[in-house]
Amino acid sequence: MQDFETKLLLAIFLPGLLVVFFTRVTFHHVVGLVLTLALIAASVYAGYTHNWLLYVADAVSLTVGFWFASRMVKNARENQIEE
């Protein structure tokens, strides 16, 4: 049971953080989302994720991370225009 709890905790936070990280590296929020989706797809294919609750947690985390990353990019572009 402890293994599932660890996977759930990681599924809640890690995809959103990865979207933000990849967005900071590539300077584009869609590229950050696609790279994170590719990593999650690879982990599902390898058999690390096999529960619907983990899929839902990944999806919610991706959505929140994408929202935050798009906001971050928008604010950065607005600040760049003002200068």
PDB file of N, CA and C in Angstrom:
ATOM      1  N   MET A   1       0.816  -1.199   0.000  1.00  0.00           N
ATOM      2  CA  MET A   1       0.000   0.000   0.000  1.00  0.00           C
ATOM      3  C   MET A   1       0.857   1.259   0.000  1.00  0.00           C
ATOM      4  N   GLN A   2       2.002   1.202   0.624  1.00  0.00           N
ATOM      5  CA  GLN A   2       2.861   2.376   0.679  1.00  0.00           C
ATOM      6  C   GLN A   2       3.382   2.739  -0.720  1.00  0.00           C
ATOM      7  N   ASP A   3       3.592   1.749  -1.560  1.00  0.00           N
ATOM      8  CA  ASP A   3       4.046   1.998  -2.921  1.00  0.00           C
ATOM      9  C   ASP A   3       2.995   2.781  -3.710  1.00  0.00           C
ATOM     10  N   PHE A   4       1.720   2.427  -3.548  1.00  0.00           N
ATOM     11  CA  PHE A   4       0.649   3.140  -4.240  1.00  0.00           C
ATOM     12  C   PHE A   4       0.555   4.579  -3.750  1.00  0.00           C
ATOM     13  N   GLU A   5       0.704   4.780  -2.445  1.00  0.00           N
ATOM     14  CA  GLU A   5       0.630   6.136  -1.895  1.00  0.00           C
ATOM     15  C   GLU A   5       1.761   7.007  -2.430  1.00  0.00           C
ATOM     16  N   THR A   6       2.931   6.435  -2.571  1.00  0.00           N
ATOM     17  CA  THR A   6       4.068   7.169  -3.131  1.00  0.00           C
ATOM     18  C   THR A   6       3.803   7.527  -4.585  1.00  0.00           C
ATOM     19  N   LYS A   7       3.296   6.570  -5.350  1.00  0.00           N
ATOM     20  CA  LYS A   7       2.989   6.831  -6.757  1.00  0.00           C
ATOM     21  C   LYS A   7       1.912   7.903  -6.888  1.00  0.00           C
ATOM     22  N   LEU A   8       0.913   7.866  -6.013  1.00  0.00           N
ATOM     23  CA  LEU A   8      -0.152   8.857  -6.061  1.00  0.00           C
ATOM     24  C   LEU A   8       0.388  10.245  -5.726  1.00  0.00           C
ATOM     25  N   LEU A   9       1.223  10.344  -4.730  1.00  0.00           N
ATOM     26  CA  LEU A   9       1.810  11.630  -4.356  1.00  0.00           C
ATOM     27  C   LEU A   9       2.660  12.194  -5.500  1.00  0.00           C
ATOM     28  N   LEU A  10       3.435  11.333  -6.134  1.00  0.00           N
ATOM     29  CA  LEU A  10       4.234  11.774  -7.281  1.00  0.00           C
ATOM     30  C   LEU A  10       3.342  12.158  -8.460  1.00  0.00           C
ATOM     31  N   ALA A  11       2.266  11.423  -8.676  1.00  0.00           N
ATOM     32  CA  ALA A  11       1.356  11.731  -9.782  1.00  0.00           C
ATOM     33  C   ALA A  11       0.635  13.053  -9.565  1.00  0.00           C
ATOM     34  N   ILE A  12       0.469  13.442  -8.318  1.00  0.00           N
ATOM     35  CA  ILE A  12      -0.202  14.703  -8.021  1.00  0.00           C
ATOM     36  C   ILE A  12       0.715  15.891  -8.316  1.00  0.00           C
ATOM     37  N   PHE A  13       1.995  15.777  -8.017  1.00  0.00           N
ATOM     38  CA  PHE A  13       2.885  16.926  -8.125  1.00  0.00           C
ATOM     39  C   PHE A  13       3.842  16.895  -9.320  1.00  0.00           C
ATOM     40  N   LEU A  14       4.381  15.767  -9.663  1.00  0.00           N
ATOM     41  CA  LEU A  14       5.467  15.701 -10.640  1.00  0.00           C
ATOM     42  C   LEU A  14       5.085  16.154 -12.056  1.00  0.00           C
ATOM     43  N   PRO A  15       3.969  15.727 -12.642  1.00  0.00           N
ATOM     44  CA  PRO A  15       3.667  16.192 -14.008  1.00  0.00           C
ATOM     45  C   PRO A  15       3.525  17.702 -14.116  1.00  0.00           C
ATOM     46  N   GLY A  16       2.884  18.321 -13.149  1.00  0.00           N
ATOM     47  CA  GLY A  16       2.749  19.779 -13.181  1.00  0.00           C
ATOM     48  C   GLY A  16       4.085  20.482 -13.073  1.00  0.00           C
ATOM     49  N   LEU A  17       4.942  19.972 -12.207  1.00  0.00           N
ATOM     50  CA  LEU A  17       6.275  20.557 -12.065  1.00  0.00           C
ATOM     51  C   LEU A  17       7.107  20.351 -13.327  1.00  0.00           C
ATOM     52  N   LEU A  18       6.955  19.194 -13.955  1.00  0.00           N
ATOM     53  CA  LEU A  18       7.691  18.946 -15.200  1.00  0.00           C
ATOM     54  C   LEU A  18       7.242  19.869 -16.324  1.00  0.00           C
ATOM     55  N   VAL A  19       5.949  20.143 -16.409  1.00  0.00           N
ATOM     56  CA  VAL A  19       5.457  21.071 -17.434  1.00  0.00           C
ATOM     57  C   VAL A  19       6.082  22.447 -17.219  1.00  0.00           C
ATOM     58  N   VAL A  20       6.093  22.899 -15.986  1.00  0.00           N
ATOM     59  CA  VAL A  20       6.683  24.210 -15.691  1.00  0.00           C
ATOM     60  C   VAL A  20       8.182  24.195 -15.981  1.00  0.00           C
ATOM     61  N   PHE A  21       8.872  23.134 -15.590  1.00  0.00           N
ATOM     62  CA  PHE A  21      10.313  23.037 -15.835  1.00  0.00           C
ATOM     63  C   PHE A  21      10.627  23.048 -17.332  1.00  0.00           C
ATOM     64  N   PHE A  22       9.939  22.210 -18.099  1.00  0.00           N
ATOM     65  CA  PHE A  22      10.195  22.167 -19.534  1.00  0.00           C
ATOM     66  C   PHE A  22       9.804  23.474 -20.220  1.00  0.00           C
ATOM     67  N   THR A  23       8.793  24.155 -19.687  1.00  0.00           N
ATOM     68  CA  THR A  23       8.421  25.455 -20.234  1.00  0.00           C
ATOM     69  C   THR A  23       9.532  26.467 -19.989  1.00  0.00           C
ATOM     70  N   ARG A  24      10.133  26.423 -18.821  1.00  0.00           N
ATOM     71  CA  ARG A  24      11.239  27.341 -18.526  1.00  0.00           C
ATOM     72  C   ARG A  24      12.451  27.048 -19.405  1.00  0.00           C
ATOM     73  N   VAL A  25      12.670  25.782 -19.717  1.00  0.00           N
ATOM     74  CA  VAL A  25      13.829  25.416 -20.529  1.00  0.00           C
ATOM     75  C   VAL A  25      13.605  25.757 -22.005  1.00  0.00           C
ATOM     76  N   THR A  26      12.403  25.467 -22.516  1.00  0.00           N
ATOM     77  CA  THR A  26      12.142  25.655 -23.945  1.00  0.00           C
ATOM     78  C   THR A  26      11.483  26.990 -24.274  1.00  0.00           C
ATOM     79  N   PHE A  27      11.011  27.720 -23.278  1.00  0.00           N
ATOM     80  CA  PHE A  27      10.322  29.010 -23.447  1.00  0.00           C
ATOM     81  C   PHE A  27       9.017  28.896 -24.222  1.00  0.00           C
ATOM     82  N   HIS A  28       8.405  27.708 -24.201  1.00  0.00           N
ATOM     83  CA  HIS A  28       7.113  27.525 -24.858  1.00  0.00           C
ATOM     84  C   HIS A  28       6.298  26.513 -24.065  1.00  0.00           C
ATOM     85  N   HIS A  29       5.106  26.905 -23.640  1.00  0.00           N
ATOM     86  CA  HIS A  29       4.309  26.062 -22.752  1.00  0.00           C
ATOM     87  C   HIS A  29       3.761  24.814 -23.442  1.00  0.00           C
ATOM     88  N   VAL A  30       3.490  24.874 -24.733  1.00  0.00           N
ATOM     89  CA  VAL A  30       2.978  23.699 -25.439  1.00  0.00           C
ATOM     90  C   VAL A  30       4.081  22.645 -25.575  1.00  0.00           C
ATOM     91  N   VAL A  31       5.293  23.078 -25.825  1.00  0.00           N
ATOM     92  CA  VAL A  31       6.412  22.140 -25.913  1.00  0.00           C
ATOM     93  C   VAL A  31       6.631  21.478 -24.557  1.00  0.00           C
ATOM     94  N   GLY A  32       6.514  22.255 -23.485  1.00  0.00           N
ATOM     95  CA  GLY A  32       6.637  21.683 -22.140  1.00  0.00           C
ATOM     96  C   GLY A  32       5.580  20.630 -21.875  1.00  0.00           C
ATOM     97  N   LEU A  33       4.355  20.885 -22.320  1.00  0.00           N
ATOM     98  CA  LEU A  33       3.274  19.916 -22.140  1.00  0.00           C
ATOM     99  C   LEU A  33       3.531  18.656 -22.950  1.00  0.00           C
ATOM    100  N   VAL A  34       3.968  18.809 -24.192  1.00  0.00           N
ATOM    101  CA  VAL A  34       4.208  17.645 -25.060  1.00  0.00           C
ATOM    102  C   VAL A  34       5.348  16.781 -24.517  1.00  0.00           C
ATOM    103  N   LEU A  35       6.421  17.410 -24.049  1.00  0.00           N
ATOM    104  CA  LEU A  35       7.529  16.645 -23.475  1.00  0.00           C
ATOM    105  C   LEU A  35       7.093  15.887 -22.227  1.00  0.00           C
ATOM    106  N   THR A  36       6.296  16.520 -21.392  1.00  0.00           N
ATOM    107  CA  THR A  36       5.801  15.845 -20.191  1.00  0.00           C
ATOM    108  C   THR A  36       4.869  14.702 -20.551  1.00  0.00           C
ATOM    109  N   LEU A  37       3.998  14.909 -21.525  1.00  0.00           N
ATOM    110  CA  LEU A  37       3.115  13.828 -21.981  1.00  0.00           C
ATOM    111  C   LEU A  37       3.919  12.650 -22.521  1.00  0.00           C
ATOM    112  N   ALA A  38       5.003  12.936 -23.216  1.00  0.00           N
ATOM    113  CA  ALA A  38       5.849  11.861 -23.737  1.00  0.00           C
ATOM    114  C   ALA A  38       6.471  11.056 -22.593  1.00  0.00           C
ATOM    115  N   LEU A  39       6.915  11.733 -21.549  1.00  0.00           N
ATOM    116  CA  LEU A  39       7.471  11.020 -20.394  1.00  0.00           C
ATOM    117  C   LEU A  39       6.420  10.166 -19.694  1.00  0.00           C
ATOM    118  N   ILE A  40       5.218  10.693 -19.551  1.00  0.00           N
ATOM    119  CA  ILE A  40       4.149   9.934 -18.900  1.00  0.00           C
ATOM    120  C   ILE A  40       3.749   8.744 -19.768  1.00  0.00           C
ATOM    121  N   ALA A  41       3.672   8.949 -21.075  1.00  0.00           N
ATOM    122  CA  ALA A  41       3.339   7.835 -21.973  1.00  0.00           C
ATOM    123  C   ALA A  41       4.396   6.743 -21.901  1.00  0.00           C
ATOM    124  N   ALA A  42       5.647   7.126 -21.799  1.00  0.00           N
ATOM    125  CA  ALA A  42       6.716   6.130 -21.682  1.00  0.00           C
ATOM    126  C   ALA A  42       6.616   5.364 -20.371  1.00  0.00           C
ATOM    127  N   SER A  43       6.248   6.043 -19.292  1.00  0.00           N
ATOM    128  CA  SER A  43       6.112   5.343 -18.012  1.00  0.00           C
ATOM    129  C   SER A  43       4.904   4.409 -18.007  1.00  0.00           C
ATOM    130  N   VAL A  44       3.831   4.807 -18.677  1.00  0.00           N
ATOM    131  CA  VAL A  44       2.663   3.933 -18.786  1.00  0.00           C
ATOM    132  C   VAL A  44       3.014   2.715 -19.632  1.00  0.00           C
ATOM    133  N   TYR A  45       3.716   2.936 -20.737  1.00  0.00           N
ATOM    134  CA  TYR A  45       4.115   1.838 -21.607  1.00  0.00           C
ATOM    135  C   TYR A  45       5.049   0.868 -20.880  1.00  0.00           C
ATOM    136  N   ALA A  46       5.906   1.391 -20.011  1.00  0.00           N
ATOM    137  CA  ALA A  46       6.839   0.540 -19.265  1.00  0.00           C
ATOM    138  C   ALA A  46       6.141  -0.200 -18.124  1.00  0.00           C
ATOM    139  N   GLY A  47       4.917   0.189 -17.802  1.00  0.00           N
ATOM    140  CA  GLY A  47       4.161  -0.527 -16.792  1.00  0.00           C
ATOM    141  C   GLY A  47       4.237   0.042 -15.393  1.00  0.00           C
ATOM    142  N   TYR A  48       4.718   1.274 -15.250  1.00  0.00           N
ATOM    143  CA  TYR A  48       4.819   1.865 -13.920  1.00  0.00           C
ATOM    144  C   TYR A  48       3.489   2.414 -13.420  1.00  0.00           C
ATOM    145  N   THR A  49       2.601   2.758 -14.328  1.00  0.00           N
ATOM    146  CA  THR A  49       1.294   3.294 -13.960  1.00  0.00           C
ATOM    147  C   THR A  49       0.235   2.321 -14.455  1.00  0.00           C
ATOM    148  N   HIS A  50      -0.596   1.836 -13.553  1.00  0.00           N
ATOM    149  CA  HIS A  50      -1.609   0.861 -13.972  1.00  0.00           C
ATOM    150  C   HIS A  50      -2.886   0.981 -13.155  1.00  0.00           C
ATOM    151  N   ASN A  51      -3.236   2.199 -12.786  1.00  0.00           N
ATOM    152  CA  ASN A  51      -4.431   2.419 -11.985  1.00  0.00           C
ATOM    153  C   ASN A  51      -5.108   3.693 -12.494  1.00  0.00           C
ATOM    154  N   TRP A  52      -6.421   3.679 -12.599  1.00  0.00           N
ATOM    155  CA  TRP A  52      -7.153   4.836 -13.109  1.00  0.00           C
ATOM    156  C   TRP A  52      -7.009   6.050 -12.208  1.00  0.00           C
ATOM    157  N   LEU A  53      -6.876   5.835 -10.915  1.00  0.00           N
ATOM    158  CA  LEU A  53      -6.693   6.963 -10.008  1.00  0.00           C
ATOM    159  C   LEU A  53      -5.382   7.695 -10.313  1.00  0.00           C
ATOM    160  N   LEU A  54      -4.350   6.949 -10.663  1.00  0.00           N
ATOM    161  CA  LEU A  54      -3.075   7.571 -11.032  1.00  0.00           C
ATOM    162  C   LEU A  54      -3.198   8.325 -12.359  1.00  0.00           C
ATOM    163  N   TYR A  55      -3.969   7.789 -13.296  1.00  0.00           N
ATOM    164  CA  TYR A  55      -4.193   8.489 -14.561  1.00  0.00           C
ATOM    165  C   TYR A  55      -4.911   9.816 -14.326  1.00  0.00           C
ATOM    166  N   VAL A  56      -5.904   9.796 -13.462  1.00  0.00           N
ATOM    167  CA  VAL A  56      -6.655  11.022 -13.154  1.00  0.00           C
ATOM    168  C   VAL A  56      -5.755  12.037 -12.457  1.00  0.00           C
ATOM    169  N   ALA A  57      -4.951  11.584 -11.510  1.00  0.00           N
ATOM    170  CA  ALA A  57      -4.038  12.490 -10.807  1.00  0.00           C
ATOM    171  C   ALA A  57      -3.028  13.090 -11.782  1.00  0.00           C
ATOM    172  N   ASP A  58      -2.513  12.289 -12.703  1.00  0.00           N
ATOM    173  CA  ASP A  58      -1.601  12.806 -13.730  1.00  0.00           C
ATOM    174  C   ASP A  58      -2.294  13.868 -14.585  1.00  0.00           C
ATOM    175  N   ALA A  59      -3.518  13.606 -14.998  1.00  0.00           N
ATOM    176  CA  ALA A  59      -4.244  14.531 -15.865  1.00  0.00           C
ATOM    177  C   ALA A  59      -4.529  15.853 -15.146  1.00  0.00           C
ATOM    178  N   VAL A  60      -4.934  15.778 -13.903  1.00  0.00           N
ATOM    179  CA  VAL A  60      -5.208  17.001 -13.145  1.00  0.00           C
ATOM    180  C   VAL A  60      -3.916  17.794 -12.955  1.00  0.00           C
ATOM    181  N   SER A  61      -2.844  17.114 -12.621  1.00  0.00           N
ATOM    182  CA  SER A  61      -1.567  17.783 -12.431  1.00  0.00           C
ATOM    183  C   SER A  61      -1.073  18.414 -13.734  1.00  0.00           C
ATOM    184  N   LEU A  62      -1.236  17.710 -14.845  1.00  0.00           N
ATOM    185  CA  LEU A  62      -0.862  18.279 -16.145  1.00  0.00           C
ATOM    186  C   LEU A  62      -1.675  19.530 -16.462  1.00  0.00           C
ATOM    187  N   THR A  63      -2.959  19.488 -16.170  1.00  0.00           N
ATOM    188  CA  THR A  63      -3.823  20.629 -16.443  1.00  0.00           C
ATOM    189  C   THR A  63      -3.409  21.838 -15.618  1.00  0.00           C
ATOM    190  N   VAL A  64      -3.180  21.636 -14.335  1.00  0.00           N
ATOM    191  CA  VAL A  64      -2.771  22.735 -13.460  1.00  0.00           C
ATOM    192  C   VAL A  64      -1.392  23.259 -13.880  1.00  0.00           C
ATOM    193  N   GLY A  65      -0.469  22.364 -14.185  1.00  0.00           N
ATOM    194  CA  GLY A  65       0.855  22.777 -14.628  1.00  0.00           C
ATOM    195  C   GLY A  65       0.810  23.544 -15.934  1.00  0.00           C
ATOM    196  N   PHE A  66      -0.024  23.103 -16.875  1.00  0.00           N
ATOM    197  CA  PHE A  66      -0.158  23.802 -18.152  1.00  0.00           C
ATOM    198  C   PHE A  66      -0.761  25.181 -17.955  1.00  0.00           C
ATOM    199  N   TRP A  67      -1.756  25.278 -17.084  1.00  0.00           N
ATOM    200  CA  TRP A  67      -2.370  26.580 -16.791  1.00  0.00           C
ATOM    201  C   TRP A  67      -1.334  27.532 -16.197  1.00  0.00           C
ATOM    202  N   PHE A  68      -0.569  27.042 -15.233  1.00  0.00           N
ATOM    203  CA  PHE A  68       0.442  27.876 -14.599  1.00  0.00           C
ATOM    204  C   PHE A  68       1.538  28.268 -15.596  1.00  0.00           C
ATOM    205  N   ALA A  69       1.962  27.333 -16.432  1.00  0.00           N
ATOM    206  CA  ALA A  69       3.007  27.616 -17.413  1.00  0.00           C
ATOM    207  C   ALA A  69       2.526  28.630 -18.447  1.00  0.00           C
ATOM    208  N   SER A  70       1.261  28.521 -18.900  1.00  0.00           N
ATOM    209  CA  SER A  70       0.758  29.504 -19.859  1.00  0.00           C
ATOM    210  C   SER A  70       0.682  30.884 -19.245  1.00  0.00           C
ATOM    211  N   ARG A  71       0.290  30.945 -17.984  1.00  0.00           N
ATOM    212  CA  ARG A  71       0.274  32.225 -17.275  1.00  0.00           C
ATOM    213  C   ARG A  71       1.679  32.801 -17.156  1.00  0.00           C
ATOM    214  N   MET A  72       2.622  31.936 -16.849  1.00  0.00           N
ATOM    215  CA  MET A  72       4.008  32.345 -16.694  1.00  0.00           C
ATOM    216  C   MET A  72       4.557  32.911 -18.014  1.00  0.00           C
ATOM    217  N   VAL A  73       4.278  32.233 -19.125  1.00  0.00           N
ATOM    218  CA  VAL A  73       4.747  32.694 -20.432  1.00  0.00           C
ATOM    219  C   VAL A  73       4.075  34.014 -20.805  1.00  0.00           C
ATOM    220  N   LYS A  74       2.781  34.127 -20.544  1.00  0.00           N
ATOM    221  CA  LYS A  74       2.049  35.354 -20.857  1.00  0.00           C
ATOM    222  C   LYS A  74       2.617  36.530 -20.077  1.00  0.00           C
ATOM    223  N   ASN A  75       2.870  36.343 -18.788  1.00  0.00           N
ATOM    224  CA  ASN A  75       3.433  37.421 -17.971  1.00  0.00           C
ATOM    225  C   ASN A  75       4.834  37.795 -18.435  1.00  0.00           C
ATOM    226  N   ALA A  76       5.628  36.819 -18.819  1.00  0.00           N
ATOM    227  CA  ALA A  76       6.982  37.101 -19.295  1.00  0.00           C
ATOM    228  C   ALA A  76       6.936  37.900 -20.594  1.00  0.00           C
ATOM    229  N   ARG A  77       6.018  37.561 -21.483  1.00  0.00           N
ATOM    230  CA  ARG A  77       5.903  38.297 -22.748  1.00  0.00           C
ATOM    231  C   ARG A  77       5.413  39.720 -22.518  1.00  0.00           C
ATOM    232  N   GLU A  78       4.468  39.897 -21.597  1.00  0.00           N
ATOM    233  CA  GLU A  78       3.981  41.237 -21.286  1.00  0.00           C
ATOM    234  C   GLU A  78       5.078  42.084 -20.674  1.00  0.00           C
ATOM    235  N   ASN A  79       5.883  41.519 -19.788  1.00  0.00           N
ATOM    236  CA  ASN A  79       6.985  42.256 -19.178  1.00  0.00           C
ATOM    237  C   ASN A  79       8.052  42.610 -20.205  1.00  0.00           C
ATOM    238  N   GLN A  80       8.257  41.738 -21.183  1.00  0.00           N
ATOM    239  CA  GLN A  80       9.240  42.001 -22.225  1.00  0.00           C
ATOM    240  C   GLN A  80       8.786  43.136 -23.136  1.00  0.00           C
ATOM    241  N   ILE A  81       7.501  43.211 -23.399  1.00  0.00           N
ATOM    242  CA  ILE A  81       6.957  44.269 -24.260  1.00  0.00           C
ATOM    243  C   ILE A  81       7.054  45.621 -23.562  1.00  0.00           C
ATOM    244  N   GLU A  82       6.842  45.649 -22.257  1.00  0.00           N
ATOM    245  CA  GLU A  82       6.881  46.905 -21.506  1.00  0.00           C
ATOM    246  C   GLU A  82       8.273  47.506 -21.465  1.00  0.00           C
ATOM    247  N   GLU A  83       9.291  46.695 -21.536  1.00  0.00           N
ATOM    248  CA  GLU A  83      10.658  47.219 -21.429  1.00  0.00           C
ATOM    249  C   GLU A  83      11.183  47.806 -22.682  1.00  0.00           C
TER     250      GLU A  83
END
